[in-house]
Amino acid sequence: MKAEYDLSKMKSRKNPFAAQLKKQVTIRMGDDVVEYFKSMSEETGIPYQSLINLYLRDCMARHRKLDLSWE
């Protein structure tokens, strides 16, 4: 193995699988919700957007339904 490699001549290309991994969306959330996940992010070291994704994925996996019954 070489001690040092010259990567300046290497051609770059986009990851063909990147588009399949995640989809960018715009969503409106309350400031308190964003701050909650940002504080969790500081505690865990996981980016807050990833935490939100993990939480929603967990809800999806457990087939959780939102209870909208108001009394």
PDB file of N, CA and C in Angstrom:
ATOM      1  N   MET A   1       0.835  -1.185   0.000  1.00  0.00           N
ATOM      2  CA  MET A   1       0.000   0.000   0.000  1.00  0.00           C
ATOM      3  C   MET A   1       0.874   1.240   0.000  1.00  0.00           C
ATOM      4  N   LYS A   2       0.420   2.237  -0.704  1.00  0.00           N
ATOM      5  CA  LYS A   2       1.144   3.503  -0.709  1.00  0.00           C
ATOM      6  C   LYS A   2       0.906   4.224   0.612  1.00  0.00           C
ATOM      7  N   ALA A   3       1.861   5.020   0.986  1.00  0.00           N
ATOM      8  CA  ALA A   3       1.705   5.817   2.204  1.00  0.00           C
ATOM      9  C   ALA A   3       0.716   6.957   1.972  1.00  0.00           C
ATOM     10  N   GLU A   4       0.640   7.415   0.716  1.00  0.00           N
ATOM     11  CA  GLU A   4      -0.250   8.531   0.398  1.00  0.00           C
ATOM     12  C   GLU A   4      -0.809   8.333  -1.005  1.00  0.00           C
ATOM     13  N   TYR A   5      -2.076   8.634  -1.189  1.00  0.00           N
ATOM     14  CA  TYR A   5      -2.716   8.480  -2.486  1.00  0.00           C
ATOM     15  C   TYR A   5      -3.112   9.843  -3.027  1.00  0.00           C
ATOM     16  N   ASP A   6      -3.028  10.027  -4.348  1.00  0.00           N
ATOM     17  CA  ASP A   6      -3.432  11.267  -5.002  1.00  0.00           C
ATOM     18  C   ASP A   6      -4.844  11.080  -5.553  1.00  0.00           C
ATOM     19  N   LEU A   7      -5.815  11.683  -4.886  1.00  0.00           N
ATOM     20  CA  LEU A   7      -7.207  11.548  -5.288  1.00  0.00           C
ATOM     21  C   LEU A   7      -7.695  12.712  -6.144  1.00  0.00           C
ATOM     22  N   SER A   8      -6.800  13.652  -6.464  1.00  0.00           N
ATOM     23  CA  SER A   8      -7.206  14.835  -7.221  1.00  0.00           C
ATOM     24  C   SER A   8      -7.630  14.490  -8.649  1.00  0.00           C
ATOM     25  N   LYS A   9      -7.156  13.408  -9.203  1.00  0.00           N
ATOM     26  CA  LYS A   9      -7.492  13.022 -10.574  1.00  0.00           C
ATOM     27  C   LYS A   9      -8.695  12.085 -10.628  1.00  0.00           C
ATOM     28  N   MET A  10      -9.200  11.744  -9.492  1.00  0.00           N
ATOM     29  CA  MET A  10     -10.325  10.820  -9.425  1.00  0.00           C
ATOM     30  C   MET A  10     -11.627  11.536  -9.796  1.00  0.00           C
ATOM     31  N   LYS A  11     -12.442  10.891 -10.610  1.00  0.00           N
ATOM     32  CA  LYS A  11     -13.719  11.478 -10.999  1.00  0.00           C
ATOM     33  C   LYS A  11     -14.750  11.176  -9.911  1.00  0.00           C
ATOM     34  N   SER A  12     -15.535  12.197  -9.541  1.00  0.00           N
ATOM     35  CA  SER A  12     -16.577  11.992  -8.536  1.00  0.00           C
ATOM     36  C   SER A  12     -17.891  11.657  -9.227  1.00  0.00           C
ATOM     37  N   ARG A  13     -18.737  10.945  -8.536  1.00  0.00           N
ATOM     38  CA  ARG A  13     -20.057  10.634  -9.058  1.00  0.00           C
ATOM     39  C   ARG A  13     -21.028  10.535  -7.895  1.00  0.00           C
ATOM     40  N   LYS A  14     -22.277  10.786  -8.187  1.00  0.00           N
ATOM     41  CA  LYS A  14     -23.308  10.731  -7.160  1.00  0.00           C
ATOM     42  C   LYS A  14     -23.589   9.292  -6.772  1.00  0.00           C
ATOM     43  N   ASN A  15     -23.985   9.115  -5.531  1.00  0.00           N
ATOM     44  CA  ASN A  15     -24.383   7.795  -5.053  1.00  0.00           C
ATOM     45  C   ASN A  15     -25.725   7.437  -5.700  1.00  0.00           C
ATOM     46  N   PRO A  16     -25.778   6.373  -6.505  1.00  0.00           N
ATOM     47  CA  PRO A  16     -27.036   6.027  -7.177  1.00  0.00           C
ATOM     48  C   PRO A  16     -28.120   5.542  -6.221  1.00  0.00           C
ATOM     49  N   PHE A  17     -27.767   5.181  -5.013  1.00  0.00           N
ATOM     50  CA  PHE A  17     -28.733   4.670  -4.043  1.00  0.00           C
ATOM     51  C   PHE A  17     -29.215   5.730  -3.063  1.00  0.00           C
ATOM     52  N   ALA A  18     -28.605   6.919  -3.093  1.00  0.00           N
ATOM     53  CA  ALA A  18     -28.939   7.958  -2.123  1.00  0.00           C
ATOM     54  C   ALA A  18     -30.397   8.380  -2.217  1.00  0.00           C
ATOM     55  N   ALA A  19     -30.936   8.468  -3.412  1.00  0.00           N
ATOM     56  CA  ALA A  19     -32.322   8.899  -3.583  1.00  0.00           C
ATOM     57  C   ALA A  19     -33.298   7.879  -3.004  1.00  0.00           C
ATOM     58  N   GLN A  20     -32.915   6.630  -2.951  1.00  0.00           N
ATOM     59  CA  GLN A  20     -33.800   5.588  -2.440  1.00  0.00           C
ATOM     60  C   GLN A  20     -33.804   5.533  -0.919  1.00  0.00           C
ATOM     61  N   LEU A  21     -32.813   6.118  -0.274  1.00  0.00           N
ATOM     62  CA  LEU A  21     -32.689   5.994   1.172  1.00  0.00           C
ATOM     63  C   LEU A  21     -33.693   6.864   1.920  1.00  0.00           C
ATOM     64  N   LYS A  22     -33.760   8.127   1.547  1.00  0.00           N
ATOM     65  CA  LYS A  22     -34.660   9.047   2.240  1.00  0.00           C
ATOM     66  C   LYS A  22     -35.234  10.042   1.251  1.00  0.00           C
ATOM     67  N   LYS A  23     -36.396  10.562   1.581  1.00  0.00           N
ATOM     68  CA  LYS A  23     -37.063  11.552   0.746  1.00  0.00           C
ATOM     69  C   LYS A  23     -37.162  12.845   1.543  1.00  0.00           C
ATOM     70  N   GLN A  24     -36.778  13.931   0.921  1.00  0.00           N
ATOM     71  CA  GLN A  24     -36.851  15.221   1.592  1.00  0.00           C
ATOM     72  C   GLN A  24     -38.274  15.744   1.519  1.00  0.00           C
ATOM     73  N   VAL A  25     -38.813  16.143   2.684  1.00  0.00           N
ATOM     74  CA  VAL A  25     -40.155  16.715   2.759  1.00  0.00           C
ATOM     75  C   VAL A  25     -40.112  17.965   3.627  1.00  0.00           C
ATOM     76  N   THR A  26     -41.120  18.791   3.467  1.00  0.00           N
ATOM     77  CA  THR A  26     -41.280  19.962   4.323  1.00  0.00           C
ATOM     78  C   THR A  26     -42.440  19.674   5.261  1.00  0.00           C
ATOM     79  N   ILE A  27     -42.220  19.874   6.543  1.00  0.00           N
ATOM     80  CA  ILE A  27     -43.261  19.604   7.529  1.00  0.00           C
ATOM     81  C   ILE A  27     -43.237  20.724   8.569  1.00  0.00           C
ATOM     82  N   ARG A  28     -44.397  21.143   8.981  1.00  0.00           N
ATOM     83  CA  ARG A  28     -44.491  22.205   9.987  1.00  0.00           C
ATOM     84  C   ARG A  28     -44.714  21.557  11.347  1.00  0.00           C
ATOM     85  N   MET A  29     -43.839  21.900  12.281  1.00  0.00           N
ATOM     86  CA  MET A  29     -43.942  21.376  13.650  1.00  0.00           C
ATOM     87  C   MET A  29     -43.861  22.544  14.613  1.00  0.00           C
ATOM     88  N   GLY A  30     -44.448  22.360  15.768  1.00  0.00           N
ATOM     89  CA  GLY A  30     -44.387  23.381  16.790  1.00  0.00           C
ATOM     90  C   GLY A  30     -42.959  23.554  17.303  1.00  0.00           C
ATOM     91  N   ASP A  31     -42.651  24.765  17.743  1.00  0.00           N
ATOM     92  CA  ASP A  31     -41.316  25.040  18.286  1.00  0.00           C
ATOM     93  C   ASP A  31     -40.983  24.122  19.451  1.00  0.00           C
ATOM     94  N   ASP A  32     -42.000  23.832  20.278  1.00  0.00           N
ATOM     95  CA  ASP A  32     -41.755  22.978  21.435  1.00  0.00           C
ATOM     96  C   ASP A  32     -41.373  21.563  21.020  1.00  0.00           C
ATOM     97  N   VAL A  33     -41.949  21.073  19.928  1.00  0.00           N
ATOM     98  CA  VAL A  33     -41.627  19.731  19.432  1.00  0.00           C
ATOM     99  C   VAL A  33     -40.185  19.699  18.925  1.00  0.00           C
ATOM    100  N   VAL A  34     -39.820  20.718  18.149  1.00  0.00           N
ATOM    101  CA  VAL A  34     -38.458  20.781  17.603  1.00  0.00           C
ATOM    102  C   VAL A  34     -37.446  20.900  18.738  1.00  0.00           C
ATOM    103  N   GLU A  35     -37.738  21.737  19.723  1.00  0.00           N
ATOM    104  CA  GLU A  35     -36.825  21.902  20.851  1.00  0.00           C
ATOM    105  C   GLU A  35     -36.690  20.608  21.656  1.00  0.00           C
ATOM    106  N   TYR A  36     -37.787  19.863  21.784  1.00  0.00           N
ATOM    107  CA  TYR A  36     -37.751  18.580  22.496  1.00  0.00           C
ATOM    108  C   TYR A  36     -36.771  17.625  21.818  1.00  0.00           C
ATOM    109  N   PHE A  37     -36.898  17.487  20.505  1.00  0.00           N
ATOM    110  CA  PHE A  37     -36.020  16.576  19.789  1.00  0.00           C
ATOM    111  C   PHE A  37     -34.589  17.100  19.721  1.00  0.00           C
ATOM    112  N   LYS A  38     -34.412  18.412  19.687  1.00  0.00           N
ATOM    113  CA  LYS A  38     -33.052  18.966  19.700  1.00  0.00           C
ATOM    114  C   LYS A  38     -32.379  18.702  21.043  1.00  0.00           C
ATOM    115  N   SER A  39     -33.136  18.777  22.136  1.00  0.00           N
ATOM    116  CA  SER A  39     -32.545  18.487  23.442  1.00  0.00           C
ATOM    117  C   SER A  39     -32.203  17.001  23.554  1.00  0.00           C
ATOM    118  N   MET A  40     -33.062  16.138  22.995  1.00  0.00           N
ATOM    119  CA  MET A  40     -32.745  14.710  22.963  1.00  0.00           C
ATOM    120  C   MET A  40     -31.507  14.461  22.111  1.00  0.00           C
ATOM    121  N   SER A  41     -31.364  15.258  21.058  1.00  0.00           N
ATOM    122  CA  SER A  41     -30.215  15.137  20.171  1.00  0.00           C
ATOM    123  C   SER A  41     -28.918  15.437  20.909  1.00  0.00           C
ATOM    124  N   GLU A  42     -28.940  16.458  21.745  1.00  0.00           N
ATOM    125  CA  GLU A  42     -27.745  16.809  22.520  1.00  0.00           C
ATOM    126  C   GLU A  42     -27.391  15.708  23.513  1.00  0.00           C
ATOM    127  N   GLU A  43     -28.399  15.080  24.095  1.00  0.00           N
ATOM    128  CA  GLU A  43     -28.170  14.008  25.065  1.00  0.00           C
ATOM    129  C   GLU A  43     -27.603  12.749  24.412  1.00  0.00           C
ATOM    130  N   THR A  44     -28.121  12.422  23.228  1.00  0.00           N
ATOM    131  CA  THR A  44     -27.764  11.163  22.592  1.00  0.00           C
ATOM    132  C   THR A  44     -26.648  11.278  21.564  1.00  0.00           C
ATOM    133  N   GLY A  45     -26.440  12.488  21.028  1.00  0.00           N
ATOM    134  CA  GLY A  45     -25.445  12.665  19.976  1.00  0.00           C
ATOM    135  C   GLY A  45     -25.965  12.272  18.599  1.00  0.00           C
ATOM    136  N   ILE A  46     -27.268  12.009  18.499  1.00  0.00           N
ATOM    137  CA  ILE A  46     -27.900  11.664  17.221  1.00  0.00           C
ATOM    138  C   ILE A  46     -28.579  12.929  16.684  1.00  0.00           C
ATOM    139  N   PRO A  47     -28.405  13.259  15.405  1.00  0.00           N
ATOM    140  CA  PRO A  47     -29.060  14.454  14.854  1.00  0.00           C
ATOM    141  C   PRO A  47     -30.573  14.418  15.081  1.00  0.00           C
ATOM    142  N   TYR A  48     -31.147  15.588  15.370  1.00  0.00           N
ATOM    143  CA  TYR A  48     -32.557  15.619  15.753  1.00  0.00           C
ATOM    144  C   TYR A  48     -33.478  15.135  14.633  1.00  0.00           C
ATOM    145  N   GLN A  49     -33.116  15.388  13.376  1.00  0.00           N
ATOM    146  CA  GLN A  49     -33.954  14.910  12.282  1.00  0.00           C
ATOM    147  C   GLN A  49     -33.934  13.385  12.219  1.00  0.00           C
ATOM    148  N   SER A  50     -32.812  12.798  12.546  1.00  0.00           N
ATOM    149  CA  SER A  50     -32.726  11.335  12.592  1.00  0.00           C
ATOM    150  C   SER A  50     -33.567  10.786  13.735  1.00  0.00           C
ATOM    151  N   LEU A  51     -33.586  11.490  14.865  1.00  0.00           N
ATOM    152  CA  LEU A  51     -34.415  11.059  16.000  1.00  0.00           C
ATOM    153  C   LEU A  51     -35.897  11.087  15.639  1.00  0.00           C
ATOM    154  N   ILE A  52     -36.313  12.152  14.951  1.00  0.00           N
ATOM    155  CA  ILE A  52     -37.709  12.248  14.529  1.00  0.00           C
ATOM    156  C   ILE A  52     -38.032  11.095  13.582  1.00  0.00           C
ATOM    157  N   ASN A  53     -37.128  10.813  12.649  1.00  0.00           N
ATOM    158  CA  ASN A  53     -37.331   9.703  11.713  1.00  0.00           C
ATOM    159  C   ASN A  53     -37.415   8.367  12.452  1.00  0.00           C
ATOM    160  N   LEU A  54     -36.530   8.168  13.422  1.00  0.00           N
ATOM    161  CA  LEU A  54     -36.550   6.919  14.197  1.00  0.00           C
ATOM    162  C   LEU A  54     -37.849   6.772  14.976  1.00  0.00           C
ATOM    163  N   TYR A  55     -38.338   7.866  15.564  1.00  0.00           N
ATOM    164  CA  TYR A  55     -39.581   7.827  16.326  1.00  0.00           C
ATOM    165  C   TYR A  55     -40.761   7.480  15.412  1.00  0.00           C
ATOM    166  N   LEU A  56     -40.824   8.128  14.259  1.00  0.00           N
ATOM    167  CA  LEU A  56     -41.915   7.853  13.327  1.00  0.00           C
ATOM    168  C   LEU A  56     -41.829   6.433  12.774  1.00  0.00           C
ATOM    169  N   ARG A  57     -40.611   5.948  12.544  1.00  0.00           N
ATOM    170  CA  ARG A  57     -40.420   4.577  12.077  1.00  0.00           C
ATOM    171  C   ARG A  57     -40.906   3.583  13.136  1.00  0.00           C
ATOM    172  N   ASP A  58     -40.642   3.884  14.422  1.00  0.00           N
ATOM    173  CA  ASP A  58     -41.102   3.033  15.512  1.00  0.00           C
ATOM    174  C   ASP A  58     -42.627   3.008  15.566  1.00  0.00           C
ATOM    175  N   CYS A  59     -43.252   4.176  15.397  1.00  0.00           N
ATOM    176  CA  CYS A  59     -44.721   4.235  15.368  1.00  0.00           C
ATOM    177  C   CYS A  59     -45.266   3.400  14.222  1.00  0.00           C
ATOM    178  N   MET A  60     -44.610   3.484  13.073  1.00  0.00           N
ATOM    179  CA  MET A  60     -45.043   2.727  11.900  1.00  0.00           C
ATOM    180  C   MET A  60     -44.895   1.225  12.143  1.00  0.00           C
ATOM    181  N   ALA A  61     -43.772   0.815  12.719  1.00  0.00           N
ATOM    182  CA  ALA A  61     -43.509  -0.606  12.950  1.00  0.00           C
ATOM    183  C   ALA A  61     -44.490  -1.207  13.950  1.00  0.00           C
ATOM    184  N   ARG A  62     -44.909  -0.399  14.922  1.00  0.00           N
ATOM    185  CA  ARG A  62     -45.830  -0.884  15.951  1.00  0.00           C
ATOM    186  C   ARG A  62     -47.296  -0.619  15.609  1.00  0.00           C
ATOM    187  N   HIS A  63     -47.537  -0.078  14.431  1.00  0.00           N
ATOM    188  CA  HIS A  63     -48.890   0.222  13.949  1.00  0.00           C
ATOM    189  C   HIS A  63     -49.646   1.093  14.950  1.00  0.00           C
ATOM    190  N   ARG A  64     -48.967   2.081  15.478  1.00  0.00           N
ATOM    191  CA  ARG A  64     -49.622   2.980  16.445  1.00  0.00           C
ATOM    192  C   ARG A  64     -50.600   3.883  15.732  1.00  0.00           C
ATOM    193  N   LYS A  65     -51.727   4.088  16.365  1.00  0.00           N
ATOM    194  CA  LYS A  65     -52.770   4.979  15.835  1.00  0.00           C
ATOM    195  C   LYS A  65     -52.929   6.152  16.795  1.00  0.00           C
ATOM    196  N   LEU A  66     -53.199   7.298  16.250  1.00  0.00           N
ATOM    197  CA  LEU A  66     -53.404   8.494  17.043  1.00  0.00           C
ATOM    198  C   LEU A  66     -54.834   8.488  17.603  1.00  0.00           C
ATOM    199  N   ASP A  67     -54.972   8.717  18.899  1.00  0.00           N
ATOM    200  CA  ASP A  67     -56.276   8.758  19.547  1.00  0.00           C
ATOM    201  C   ASP A  67     -56.786  10.205  19.510  1.00  0.00           C
ATOM    202  N   LEU A  68     -57.751  10.484  18.668  1.00  0.00           N
ATOM    203  CA  LEU A  68     -58.299  11.836  18.532  1.00  0.00           C
ATOM    204  C   LEU A  68     -59.661  11.991  19.190  1.00  0.00           C
ATOM    205  N   SER A  69     -59.963  11.130  20.132  1.00  0.00           N
ATOM    206  CA  SER A  69     -61.255  11.245  20.811  1.00  0.00           C
ATOM    207  C   SER A  69     -61.174  12.324  21.892  1.00  0.00           C
ATOM    208  N   TRP A  70     -61.981  13.354  21.707  1.00  0.00           N
ATOM    209  CA  TRP A  70     -61.984  14.471  22.659  1.00  0.00           C
ATOM    210  C   TRP A  70     -63.238  14.397  23.496  1.00  0.00           C
ATOM    211  N   GLU A  71     -63.078  14.654  24.762  1.00  0.00           N
ATOM    212  CA  GLU A  71     -64.226  14.600  25.667  1.00  0.00           C
ATOM    213  C   GLU A  71     -64.591  15.965  26.167  1.00  0.00           C
TER     214      GLU A  71
END
